[in-house]
């Protein structure tokens, strides 16, 4: 499977992961990983900013597929197949972008900067 087909698979899996997150039959652990995956995918801010050479795009190419694979692993097969069928054209026009999905990423960087400042000044 080449890189382009893997990226397309993640693009089709994300709406199904989103629906699995909202599905009441999905186990808690799968919902947890689905929430992490959806928040990361929809966040307009990346964990590693894209302007950092190589690493900025590497997180999108590595982290998102890994999050998706872990999430799909924990979703029962029947629930996954049902939500995959429901999600066929859910995000056809592109993924929605909501700024509140950026809050966990912003908090992560605020904590990192706080630790760095604390280490330097104290």
Foldseek 3Di string as FASTA:
>chain_A
DDLVVLVVVLVLLLQLLVVLLVDPPQDPVLVVLSLVLNLQVQAPQHLADLVPPPVNVVCVSPVNSVSSVVSVVRGDPVSSVVSSVVSRCVQVVHDDHDNVSCVVSVVVVVVVVVVVVVVVPD
